Amino acid sequence: MFKRNGPAFTPGQLLAAAVAAGLAALIAFAVAPTPPRLGTATTGDRALAEAVREAAGSDGYRALSVALVENGVIRTAGVGDTGGPVPRPVDASTPFEIGSVPKAFTGMILADMAARDSLDPRSPVPGLKDSITYEELTSHRSGLPRLPGGLGMLARGIAANYSHGNPYGGQDVSDVREAAGSAGLSGRGEVSYSNLGVAVLGNALAERAGLPYPELLKRRVLEPLGMRATTTSTPVTGRAHGYTGAGHEADPWVGTGYLPAGIGVWSTSADLARLADAMLKGGAPGADAATPRFTQDRTRRIGYGWFTTKTEKGQVTWHNGGTGGFSAYVGLDRDSRRGVVVLGNTDKGVDHVGLRLLGHDAPEPSPSAQALIAIAITLFLPLGAALTAWEPATRREPTRNRPRLDRLGVVNTTTTAVLLLWAAWLIGAWGTLPSALFVLATAATAAGTALTLTRWRDLPTARQPGRRLPSLFGLLVNIAIGTALLLAT
């Protein structure tokens, strides 16, 4: 029988631990993160919907809205639902956040202004240091970083990861220009993806045209193509709601300064199909933006915002997008005169779905370094909670580094274990790891906590007077962390 401090656990203590573990497991099972899965709801073209399900699988997606363009004929389909308070089946008219896809729009505006307004893309952008050109910005060759540096942007990014919120909040045009002015340049002339660079470009084009960027986009791209459902504000009704891989709802991303890079732009698969059709026919404003001009690597080149990738079956011109709860892909196979639009309301990428629908081979994307770190954190947090809860329950005679138990110490370890579980629930990679891990860790944590609490009446408040202040400080830290997690939730 397992022992602590010499004597074995009594039957009463073991019963308390078993009851606590059982109750905790039931509660954890009820609230455990539920990764999204495609539901049975289907709209539009049935054959296309079946092809979408086959290409995507069901794990990691809540809904997909798709348009396929073949020789000028557009077919659309929707699978899954919008989520939100009143879920509805998605269709070709359901608005989705489209992330970075509008970077291609901004490139088209540049190409259109070059063709019609005598703007030289190779000329320096007024007010930017080191004579950075329009062309360098749209092709991600300016040397500007992906995002601004500094503690402010870092703090917003970290907070958004925990709260599934908006990392671009409050960033207006002046903030973008200031960030570009203070940023260091690295690798200029090489293709290195930069949200900041394209945001600077779009705002500079808007300033040159004497219009706000949303109006410039509307006049140059959206109105000529009849894209009436594409908007730079969050739709009030009927929209899809975004979700993380663990099933947590994510806030829309909004930041007026980053609109040209795609932050805060919504569209539908039907609207983006109009764009794809016009690009295939060569009749879209600034269609020359898709012409490859610069080499990124042996399989990929870039034009003005549009990427072109060589596959085993030809070439695909494309742009994708991703936010905290959405993913998007627009792809064009000019040789076969086919185009595809795939919009999803989870953060799982849809590029491979689009490529498969175009008839190109596309393996499932490999986990990124960030995803692997998230998996490691997810494994650590619940395991840490269980170990934290069991340590005082199994503590033997006090030593120099492990003093005798007291009530303040028990409160600290218990709150720490709860916070670790809470953090695991909130930020864990539960789209990859099974939720059963969370349930088991919660049960183990409850069992260890129950065994410790059975000794509560025998423990002093603080056996060593010198430990009261550190214990109280630790408790206050836990309370502060708990408050932050509550606000994030």
Protein backbone atom coordinates (compact mmCIF):
# COMPACT_ATOMS: atom_id res chain seq x y z
CA MET A 1 0.00 0.00 0.00
CA PHE A 2 1.26 3.49 -0.89
CA LYS A 3 2.71 5.35 2.10
CA ARG A 4 3.41 8.88 3.12
CA ASN A 5 5.47 9.95 6.13
CA GLY A 6 5.65 6.29 7.18
CA PRO A 7 2.04 5.16 7.79
CA ALA A 8 -0.09 3.86 4.91
CA PHE A 9 -3.03 5.81 3.53
CA THR A 10 -6.13 4.81 5.43
CA PRO A 11 -9.16 3.33 3.69
CA GLY A 12 -11.03 6.56 4.39
CA GLN A 13 -8.34 8.64 2.68
CA LEU A 14 -8.26 6.32 -0.33
CA LEU A 15 -12.05 6.48 -0.57
CA ALA A 16 -11.94 10.30 -0.47
CA ALA A 17 -9.32 10.29 -3.24
CA ALA A 18 -11.38 7.90 -5.38
CA VAL A 19 -14.57 9.92 -4.96
CA ALA A 20 -12.75 13.18 -5.74
CA ALA A 21 -11.11 11.63 -8.82
CA GLY A 22 -14.44 10.30 -10.07
CA LEU A 23 -16.28 13.58 -9.62
CA ALA A 24 -13.43 15.56 -11.18
CA ALA A 25 -13.31 13.18 -14.14
CA LEU A 26 -17.04 13.66 -14.76
CA ILE A 27 -16.70 17.45 -14.62
CA ALA A 28 -13.58 17.41 -16.80
CA PHE A 29 -15.31 15.19 -19.34
CA ALA A 30 -18.21 17.64 -19.51
CA VAL A 31 -16.01 20.71 -20.05
CA ALA A 32 -13.07 19.12 -21.90
CA PRO A 33 -12.00 20.92 -25.08
CA THR A 34 -13.89 19.54 -28.08
CA PRO A 35 -11.92 19.79 -31.34
CA PRO A 36 -14.04 20.84 -34.33
CA ARG A 37 -15.36 18.24 -36.73
CA LEU A 38 -17.30 18.69 -39.95
CA GLY A 39 -20.98 18.15 -39.38
CA THR A 40 -23.41 16.53 -41.76
CA ALA A 41 -25.00 19.76 -43.01
CA THR A 42 -24.53 20.16 -46.78
CA THR A 43 -25.56 22.91 -49.20
CA GLY A 44 -25.01 23.57 -52.88
CA ASP A 45 -23.54 21.13 -55.36
CA ARG A 46 -23.68 17.66 -53.81
CA ALA A 47 -20.88 16.18 -55.89
CA LEU A 48 -18.57 19.07 -55.01
CA ALA A 49 -19.52 18.76 -51.34
CA GLU A 50 -18.53 15.09 -51.36
CA ALA A 51 -15.23 15.97 -53.04
CA VAL A 52 -14.62 18.57 -50.33
CA ARG A 53 -15.24 16.05 -47.55
CA GLU A 54 -12.90 13.58 -49.19
CA ALA A 55 -10.17 16.18 -49.68
CA ALA A 56 -10.45 17.65 -46.18
CA GLY A 57 -11.37 14.79 -43.87
CA SER A 58 -13.45 15.71 -40.84
CA ASP A 59 -10.94 16.46 -38.10
CA GLY A 60 -10.01 20.06 -37.41
CA TYR A 61 -12.76 21.72 -39.44
CA ARG A 62 -16.19 22.93 -38.40
CA ALA A 63 -17.31 24.22 -41.80
CA LEU A 64 -15.93 24.71 -45.29
CA SER A 65 -17.42 26.92 -47.98
CA VAL A 66 -15.99 26.14 -51.41
CA ALA A 67 -16.23 27.40 -54.97
CA LEU A 68 -14.74 25.62 -57.98
CA VAL A 69 -14.27 27.43 -61.30
CA GLU A 70 -13.88 25.26 -64.41
CA ASN A 71 -13.79 26.86 -67.87
CA GLY A 72 -15.88 29.80 -66.70
CA VAL A 73 -18.47 27.66 -64.88
CA ILE A 74 -18.72 28.23 -61.12
CA ARG A 75 -19.96 25.54 -58.74
CA THR A 76 -20.30 26.09 -55.00
CA ALA A 77 -20.85 23.92 -51.95
CA GLY A 78 -20.93 24.22 -48.19
CA VAL A 79 -20.32 21.57 -45.54
CA GLY A 80 -20.69 22.05 -41.80
CA ASP A 81 -22.16 24.97 -39.88
CA THR A 82 -21.41 28.55 -38.88
CA GLY A 83 -21.07 27.90 -35.16
CA GLY A 84 -22.01 30.73 -32.86
CA PRO A 85 -25.16 31.01 -30.73
CA VAL A 86 -27.43 29.75 -33.52
CA PRO A 87 -25.44 27.49 -35.88
CA ARG A 88 -26.65 27.35 -39.48
CA PRO A 89 -25.40 25.40 -42.49
CA VAL A 90 -22.82 27.39 -44.43
CA ASP A 91 -23.27 28.12 -48.11
CA ALA A 92 -21.65 30.24 -50.82
CA SER A 93 -23.09 33.42 -49.30
CA THR A 94 -21.81 32.87 -45.75
CA PRO A 95 -19.20 35.53 -44.79
CA PHE A 96 -15.84 34.25 -43.54
CA GLU A 97 -12.79 36.13 -42.33
CA ILE A 98 -10.22 35.66 -45.10
CA GLY A 99 -6.96 36.64 -43.43
CA SER A 100 -4.10 37.48 -45.79
CA VAL A 101 -5.92 36.84 -49.08
CA PRO A 102 -6.37 40.63 -49.53
CA LYS A 103 -2.59 40.98 -49.81
CA ALA A 104 -3.26 39.82 -53.37
CA PHE A 105 -5.88 42.60 -53.68
CA THR A 106 -3.28 45.15 -52.62
CA GLY A 107 -0.89 43.80 -55.24
CA MET A 108 -3.64 44.14 -57.86
CA ILE A 109 -4.24 47.75 -56.84
CA LEU A 110 -0.53 48.44 -57.35
CA ALA A 111 -0.59 46.77 -60.78
CA ASP A 112 -3.74 48.69 -61.72
CA MET A 113 -2.25 52.02 -60.63
CA ALA A 114 0.91 51.20 -62.56
CA ALA A 115 -1.15 50.56 -65.69
CA ARG A 116 -3.60 53.45 -65.40
CA ASP A 117 -2.02 56.10 -63.18
CA SER A 118 1.63 56.07 -64.30
CA LEU A 119 2.84 54.82 -60.92
CA ASP A 120 6.27 53.26 -61.27
CA PRO A 121 6.35 50.22 -58.94
CA ARG A 122 10.14 50.52 -58.78
CA SER A 123 10.01 54.04 -57.40
CA PRO A 124 10.60 54.70 -53.68
CA VAL A 125 7.59 55.01 -51.39
CA PRO A 126 7.46 58.61 -50.10
CA GLY A 127 8.45 58.94 -46.48
CA LEU A 128 10.02 55.48 -46.10
CA LYS A 129 13.66 55.07 -45.14
CA ASP A 130 16.31 53.58 -47.39
CA SER A 131 14.24 54.25 -50.53
CA ILE A 132 12.10 51.13 -50.14
CA THR A 133 10.04 50.70 -53.31
CA TYR A 134 6.42 49.76 -53.90
CA GLU A 135 7.59 46.63 -55.71
CA GLU A 136 9.76 45.53 -52.81
CA LEU A 137 6.85 45.86 -50.41
CA THR A 138 4.35 43.88 -52.48
CA SER A 139 6.85 41.08 -53.16
CA HIS A 140 7.98 40.84 -49.52
CA ARG A 141 11.54 41.86 -50.46
CA SER A 142 11.80 45.12 -48.51
CA GLY A 143 13.67 43.69 -45.55
CA LEU A 144 10.93 44.79 -43.15
CA PRO A 145 10.07 42.22 -40.45
CA ARG A 146 6.91 40.12 -40.50
CA LEU A 147 5.50 42.19 -37.64
CA PRO A 148 6.72 45.22 -35.69
CA GLY A 149 9.11 44.61 -32.85
CA GLY A 150 8.76 46.04 -29.38
CA LEU A 151 7.04 44.97 -26.20
CA GLY A 152 3.63 46.29 -27.24
CA MET A 153 3.14 43.98 -30.22
CA LEU A 154 4.73 41.09 -28.36
CA ALA A 155 2.36 41.56 -25.40
CA ARG A 156 -0.67 41.77 -27.70
CA GLY A 157 0.39 38.60 -29.48
CA ILE A 158 0.91 36.65 -26.27
CA ALA A 159 -2.40 37.88 -24.84
CA ALA A 160 -4.22 36.91 -28.05
CA ASN A 161 -2.76 33.40 -27.91
CA TYR A 162 -4.15 32.95 -24.41
CA SER A 163 -7.49 34.71 -24.90
CA HIS A 164 -8.06 33.82 -28.58
CA GLY A 165 -8.50 37.55 -29.09
CA ASN A 166 -7.39 40.22 -31.54
CA PRO A 167 -3.63 40.92 -31.66
CA TYR A 168 -4.05 43.91 -33.99
CA GLY A 169 -6.47 45.93 -31.88
CA GLY A 170 -5.91 49.69 -31.95
CA GLN A 171 -3.27 49.58 -34.70
CA ASP A 172 -4.11 52.39 -37.10
CA VAL A 173 -2.33 53.80 -40.16
CA SER A 174 -0.04 56.05 -38.13
CA ASP A 175 1.04 53.11 -35.95
CA VAL A 176 1.96 51.11 -39.05
CA ARG A 177 3.99 53.94 -40.53
CA GLU A 178 5.76 54.54 -37.21
CA ALA A 179 6.57 50.82 -36.88
CA ALA A 180 8.01 50.74 -40.39
CA GLY A 181 10.15 53.79 -39.65
CA SER A 182 11.67 52.27 -36.53
CA ALA A 183 12.08 48.70 -37.80
CA GLY A 184 15.45 47.39 -38.84
CA LEU A 185 15.87 45.91 -42.33
CA SER A 186 17.13 42.36 -42.72
CA GLY A 187 17.61 40.30 -45.87
CA ARG A 188 16.53 43.03 -48.24
CA GLY A 189 16.09 41.67 -51.75
CA GLU A 190 15.11 38.20 -50.50
CA VAL A 191 11.48 37.08 -50.24
CA SER A 192 10.56 37.14 -46.55
CA TYR A 193 6.86 37.37 -45.71
CA SER A 194 5.93 40.68 -44.07
CA ASN A 195 2.48 41.72 -42.86
CA LEU A 196 4.00 45.06 -41.93
CA GLY A 197 5.39 45.61 -45.43
CA VAL A 198 2.09 45.02 -47.23
CA ALA A 199 0.23 47.14 -44.70
CA VAL A 200 2.66 49.98 -45.41
CA LEU A 201 2.19 49.47 -49.15
CA GLY A 202 -1.60 49.59 -49.09
CA ASN A 203 -1.66 52.67 -46.87
CA ALA A 204 0.86 54.40 -49.17
CA LEU A 205 -1.26 53.59 -52.24
CA ALA A 206 -4.34 54.94 -50.46
CA GLU A 207 -2.49 58.13 -49.56
CA ARG A 208 -1.34 58.55 -53.16
CA ALA A 209 -4.92 58.07 -54.39
CA GLY A 210 -6.32 60.45 -51.78
CA LEU A 211 -8.73 57.82 -50.46
CA PRO A 212 -9.01 55.66 -47.35
CA TYR A 213 -7.82 52.13 -48.12
CA PRO A 214 -11.32 50.55 -47.85
CA GLU A 215 -12.62 52.99 -50.47
CA LEU A 216 -9.59 52.45 -52.71
CA LEU A 217 -10.11 48.68 -52.53
CA LYS A 218 -13.79 49.07 -53.31
CA ARG A 219 -13.23 51.28 -56.36
CA ARG A 220 -10.24 49.46 -57.84
CA VAL A 221 -11.08 45.79 -57.23
CA LEU A 222 -14.40 45.01 -55.59
CA GLU A 223 -16.84 47.13 -57.62
CA PRO A 224 -15.36 46.27 -61.04
CA LEU A 225 -15.66 42.56 -60.19
CA GLY A 226 -19.12 42.82 -58.62
CA MET A 227 -17.79 41.60 -55.25
CA ARG A 228 -20.54 43.16 -53.16
CA ALA A 229 -20.25 40.71 -50.27
CA THR A 230 -16.59 41.49 -49.55
CA THR A 231 -16.33 43.98 -46.72
CA THR A 232 -13.80 45.57 -44.41
CA SER A 233 -16.06 45.40 -41.36
CA THR A 234 -17.29 42.42 -39.36
CA PRO A 235 -20.75 41.34 -40.59
CA VAL A 236 -23.46 41.74 -37.99
CA THR A 237 -25.55 38.70 -38.94
CA GLY A 238 -25.17 35.46 -40.85
CA ARG A 239 -21.40 35.20 -40.55
CA ALA A 240 -19.36 32.16 -39.69
CA HIS A 241 -17.82 32.14 -36.21
CA GLY A 242 -14.14 31.24 -35.95
CA TYR A 243 -12.73 28.47 -33.76
CA THR A 244 -9.34 27.24 -32.64
CA GLY A 245 -8.19 23.66 -33.05
CA ALA A 246 -9.31 22.99 -29.47
CA GLY A 247 -12.82 24.24 -30.20
CA HIS A 248 -12.57 27.61 -28.44
CA GLU A 249 -14.33 30.47 -30.23
CA ALA A 250 -11.90 33.13 -31.48
CA ASP A 251 -12.54 36.84 -31.79
CA PRO A 252 -12.41 38.46 -35.23
CA TRP A 253 -9.18 40.28 -36.01
CA VAL A 254 -9.51 44.03 -36.50
CA GLY A 255 -6.85 46.69 -37.06
CA THR A 256 -7.42 49.55 -39.50
CA GLY A 257 -3.71 50.03 -40.16
CA TYR A 258 -3.37 46.41 -41.30
CA LEU A 259 -6.41 46.30 -43.59
CA PRO A 260 -4.20 46.18 -46.72
CA ALA A 261 -2.56 43.04 -45.28
CA GLY A 262 -5.97 41.42 -44.76
CA ILE A 263 -6.77 42.19 -41.13
CA GLY A 264 -10.52 42.70 -40.78
CA VAL A 265 -11.59 41.70 -44.31
CA TRP A 266 -14.55 39.32 -44.81
CA SER A 267 -15.79 37.64 -47.96
CA THR A 268 -17.76 34.69 -49.31
CA SER A 269 -16.79 31.83 -51.57
CA ALA A 270 -19.20 33.14 -54.21
CA ASP A 271 -17.55 36.58 -54.15
CA LEU A 272 -14.02 35.20 -54.31
CA ALA A 273 -15.10 32.89 -57.16
CA ARG A 274 -15.80 36.03 -59.19
CA LEU A 275 -12.24 37.11 -58.52
CA ALA A 276 -10.83 33.69 -59.48
CA ASP A 277 -12.89 33.59 -62.70
CA ALA A 278 -11.80 37.08 -63.70
CA MET A 279 -8.14 36.30 -62.97
CA LEU A 280 -8.30 33.14 -65.12
CA LYS A 281 -9.83 35.15 -67.96
CA GLY A 282 -7.31 37.98 -67.51
CA GLY A 283 -10.06 40.55 -67.05
CA ALA A 284 -9.58 41.44 -63.39
CA PRO A 285 -8.24 44.91 -62.57
CA GLY A 286 -4.50 44.59 -62.04
CA ALA A 287 -4.52 40.94 -63.18
CA ASP A 288 -0.86 41.37 -64.12
CA ALA A 289 -0.12 41.26 -60.38
CA ALA A 290 -0.20 37.45 -60.64
CA THR A 291 2.72 37.36 -63.10
CA PRO A 292 5.71 35.77 -61.32
CA ARG A 293 8.60 38.22 -61.09
CA PHE A 294 10.88 37.16 -58.25
CA THR A 295 12.17 33.80 -57.06
CA GLN A 296 11.66 32.67 -53.47
CA ASP A 297 13.01 29.12 -53.78
CA ARG A 298 13.25 26.32 -56.33
CA THR A 299 9.48 25.77 -56.48
CA ARG A 300 8.01 29.17 -55.61
CA ARG A 301 7.98 32.60 -57.21
CA ILE A 302 6.07 35.76 -56.39
CA GLY A 303 4.52 38.61 -58.35
CA TYR A 304 2.68 41.54 -56.82
CA GLY A 305 1.20 39.76 -53.82
CA TRP A 306 0.36 36.52 -55.68
CA PHE A 307 2.55 33.44 -55.23
CA THR A 308 3.13 30.84 -57.95
CA THR A 309 4.18 27.32 -56.92
CA LYS A 310 5.44 24.56 -59.22
CA THR A 311 3.94 21.15 -58.46
CA GLU A 312 4.37 17.76 -60.09
CA LYS A 313 1.29 18.47 -62.21
CA GLY A 314 1.96 22.05 -63.23
CA GLN A 315 1.79 25.48 -61.63
CA VAL A 316 -0.67 27.02 -59.20
CA THR A 317 -0.99 30.75 -58.56
CA TRP A 318 -2.42 31.41 -55.14
CA HIS A 319 -2.75 33.28 -51.90
CA ASN A 320 -3.90 31.95 -48.56
CA GLY A 321 -4.97 33.46 -45.27
CA GLY A 322 -5.28 32.56 -41.63
CA THR A 323 -6.46 34.32 -38.47
CA GLY A 324 -7.15 33.17 -34.92
CA GLY A 325 -10.22 31.19 -36.02
CA PHE A 326 -10.34 31.17 -39.83
CA SER A 327 -8.42 29.88 -42.83
CA ALA A 328 -8.73 30.68 -46.54
CA TYR A 329 -7.21 29.74 -49.89
CA VAL A 330 -7.64 31.04 -53.43
CA GLY A 331 -5.81 29.04 -56.11
CA LEU A 332 -5.59 29.26 -59.91
CA ASP A 333 -4.38 26.63 -62.36
CA ARG A 334 -4.10 28.65 -65.54
CA ASP A 335 -3.16 25.70 -67.73
CA SER A 336 -6.32 23.76 -66.90
CA ARG A 337 -8.41 26.96 -66.56
CA ARG A 338 -9.49 25.94 -63.09
CA GLY A 339 -9.73 27.97 -59.92
CA VAL A 340 -10.72 27.19 -56.37
CA VAL A 341 -11.81 29.03 -53.25
CA VAL A 342 -11.81 27.30 -49.85
CA LEU A 343 -12.95 29.10 -46.69
CA GLY A 344 -12.91 27.47 -43.25
CA ASN A 345 -13.99 28.67 -39.83
CA THR A 346 -11.18 27.05 -37.85
CA ASP A 347 -7.48 27.87 -37.65
CA LYS A 348 -6.50 24.67 -39.48
CA GLY A 349 -5.07 25.49 -42.91
CA VAL A 350 -7.03 24.67 -46.06
CA ASP A 351 -4.30 24.98 -48.70
CA HIS A 352 -4.08 21.23 -49.23
CA VAL A 353 -7.86 21.03 -49.66
CA GLY A 354 -7.73 23.62 -52.42
CA LEU A 355 -4.82 21.94 -54.18
CA ARG A 356 -6.57 18.56 -54.13
CA LEU A 357 -9.72 20.07 -55.59
CA LEU A 358 -7.58 21.54 -58.37
CA GLY A 359 -6.24 18.06 -59.09
CA HIS A 360 -2.79 18.55 -57.58
CA ASP A 361 -1.15 16.29 -55.03
CA ALA A 362 -1.04 17.82 -51.57
CA PRO A 363 0.01 15.99 -48.40
CA GLU A 364 -1.29 17.02 -45.01
CA PRO A 365 0.86 19.91 -43.74
CA SER A 366 3.58 18.90 -41.28
CA PRO A 367 3.41 20.37 -37.77
CA SER A 368 5.25 23.66 -37.53
CA ALA A 369 7.81 24.43 -34.85
CA GLN A 370 5.17 26.54 -33.11
CA ALA A 371 2.74 23.59 -33.18
CA LEU A 372 5.35 21.27 -31.71
CA ILE A 373 6.01 23.74 -28.91
CA ALA A 374 2.25 23.92 -28.25
CA ILE A 375 2.11 20.12 -28.04
CA ALA A 376 5.00 20.09 -25.56
CA ILE A 377 3.31 22.74 -23.43
CA THR A 378 0.05 20.80 -23.54
CA LEU A 379 1.80 17.70 -22.25
CA PHE A 380 3.61 19.64 -19.54
CA LEU A 381 0.69 21.60 -18.06
CA PRO A 382 -1.67 18.77 -17.01
CA LEU A 383 1.25 16.56 -15.95
CA GLY A 384 2.58 19.46 -13.89
CA ALA A 385 -0.83 19.90 -12.29
CA ALA A 386 -1.00 16.26 -11.23
CA LEU A 387 2.56 16.23 -9.87
CA THR A 388 1.96 19.51 -8.02
CA ALA A 389 -1.13 18.06 -6.36
CA TRP A 390 0.52 14.76 -5.42
CA GLU A 391 3.75 16.20 -4.03
CA PRO A 392 2.31 17.37 -0.68
CA ALA A 393 0.15 14.25 -0.43
CA THR A 394 3.24 12.03 -0.52
CA ARG A 395 5.65 14.31 1.33
CA ARG A 396 7.77 12.44 3.86
CA GLU A 397 9.65 13.85 6.79
CA PRO A 398 10.69 17.48 6.29
CA THR A 399 14.10 18.33 4.88
CA ARG A 400 15.98 21.55 4.36
CA ASN A 401 14.44 22.04 0.90
CA ARG A 402 11.05 20.52 1.68
CA PRO A 403 9.74 21.82 5.02
CA ARG A 404 6.84 20.27 6.89
CA LEU A 405 3.38 20.86 5.41
CA ASP A 406 1.25 23.76 6.55
CA ARG A 407 -2.11 25.11 5.44
CA LEU A 408 -0.72 28.05 3.48
CA GLY A 409 1.50 25.68 1.55
CA VAL A 410 -1.41 23.37 0.79
CA VAL A 411 -3.50 26.30 -0.48
CA ASN A 412 -0.61 27.37 -2.71
CA THR A 413 -0.01 23.95 -4.23
CA THR A 414 -3.73 23.39 -4.75
CA THR A 415 -4.30 26.71 -6.51
CA THR A 416 -1.17 26.17 -8.60
CA ALA A 417 -2.45 22.77 -9.75
CA VAL A 418 -5.85 24.23 -10.63
CA LEU A 419 -4.24 27.07 -12.58
CA LEU A 420 -2.08 24.64 -14.55
CA LEU A 421 -5.17 22.65 -15.51
CA TRP A 422 -7.02 25.81 -16.43
CA ALA A 423 -4.15 26.98 -18.61
CA ALA A 424 -4.04 23.56 -20.29
CA TRP A 425 -7.75 23.78 -21.04
CA LEU A 426 -7.39 27.30 -22.42
CA ILE A 427 -4.30 27.06 -24.63
CA GLY A 428 -3.67 23.34 -25.07
CA ALA A 429 -3.21 21.77 -28.51
CA TRP A 430 -6.32 19.63 -28.09
CA GLY A 431 -6.84 19.47 -31.82
CA THR A 432 -3.76 17.22 -31.90
CA LEU A 433 -3.70 15.53 -28.50
CA PRO A 434 -6.67 13.57 -27.11
CA SER A 435 -8.92 15.36 -24.63
CA ALA A 436 -8.77 12.19 -22.51
CA LEU A 437 -5.36 13.40 -21.33
CA PHE A 438 -7.05 16.44 -19.78
CA VAL A 439 -9.68 14.25 -18.10
CA LEU A 440 -7.11 11.85 -16.65
CA ALA A 441 -4.87 14.68 -15.42
CA THR A 442 -7.84 16.37 -13.76
CA ALA A 443 -8.81 13.15 -12.01
CA ALA A 444 -5.24 12.56 -10.82
CA THR A 445 -4.98 16.17 -9.60
CA ALA A 446 -8.24 15.85 -7.67
CA ALA A 447 -7.11 12.58 -6.08
CA GLY A 448 -3.82 14.06 -4.89
CA THR A 449 -5.56 17.18 -3.61
CA ALA A 450 -8.12 15.10 -1.69
CA LEU A 451 -5.39 13.04 -0.01
CA THR A 452 -3.68 16.24 1.12
CA LEU A 453 -6.88 17.84 2.38
CA THR A 454 -7.67 14.81 4.57
CA ARG A 455 -4.76 16.02 6.71
CA TRP A 456 -6.01 19.63 6.88
CA ARG A 457 -7.11 19.54 10.56
CA ASP A 458 -3.70 18.31 11.63
CA LEU A 459 -1.77 21.08 9.86
CA PRO A 460 -0.74 24.46 11.31
CA THR A 461 -1.44 27.64 9.40
CA ALA A 462 2.28 28.21 8.92
CA ARG A 463 4.68 25.99 10.85
CA GLN A 464 7.61 28.36 10.35
CA PRO A 465 6.86 32.07 10.88
CA GLY A 466 9.38 33.00 8.21
CA ARG A 467 7.35 31.09 5.60
CA ARG A 468 4.18 33.14 6.01
CA LEU A 469 5.22 36.05 3.82
CA PRO A 470 6.49 33.93 0.88
CA SER A 471 3.40 31.71 1.10
CA LEU A 472 1.07 34.72 1.09
CA PHE A 473 3.00 36.23 -1.82
CA GLY A 474 2.70 32.99 -3.76
CA LEU A 475 -1.03 32.91 -3.09
CA LEU A 476 -1.42 36.48 -4.34
CA VAL A 477 0.50 35.57 -7.51
CA ASN A 478 -1.82 32.63 -8.09
CA ILE A 479 -4.85 34.85 -7.57
CA ALA A 480 -3.48 37.34 -10.12
CA ILE A 481 -2.82 34.57 -12.64
CA GLY A 482 -6.28 33.14 -12.05
CA THR A 483 -7.86 36.56 -12.64
CA ALA A 484 -5.95 36.90 -15.92
CA LEU A 485 -7.08 33.44 -17.06
CA LEU A 486 -10.66 34.27 -16.09
CA LEU A 487 -10.55 37.43 -18.17
CA ALA A 488 -9.00 35.49 -21.05
CA THR A 489 -11.73 32.86 -20.87
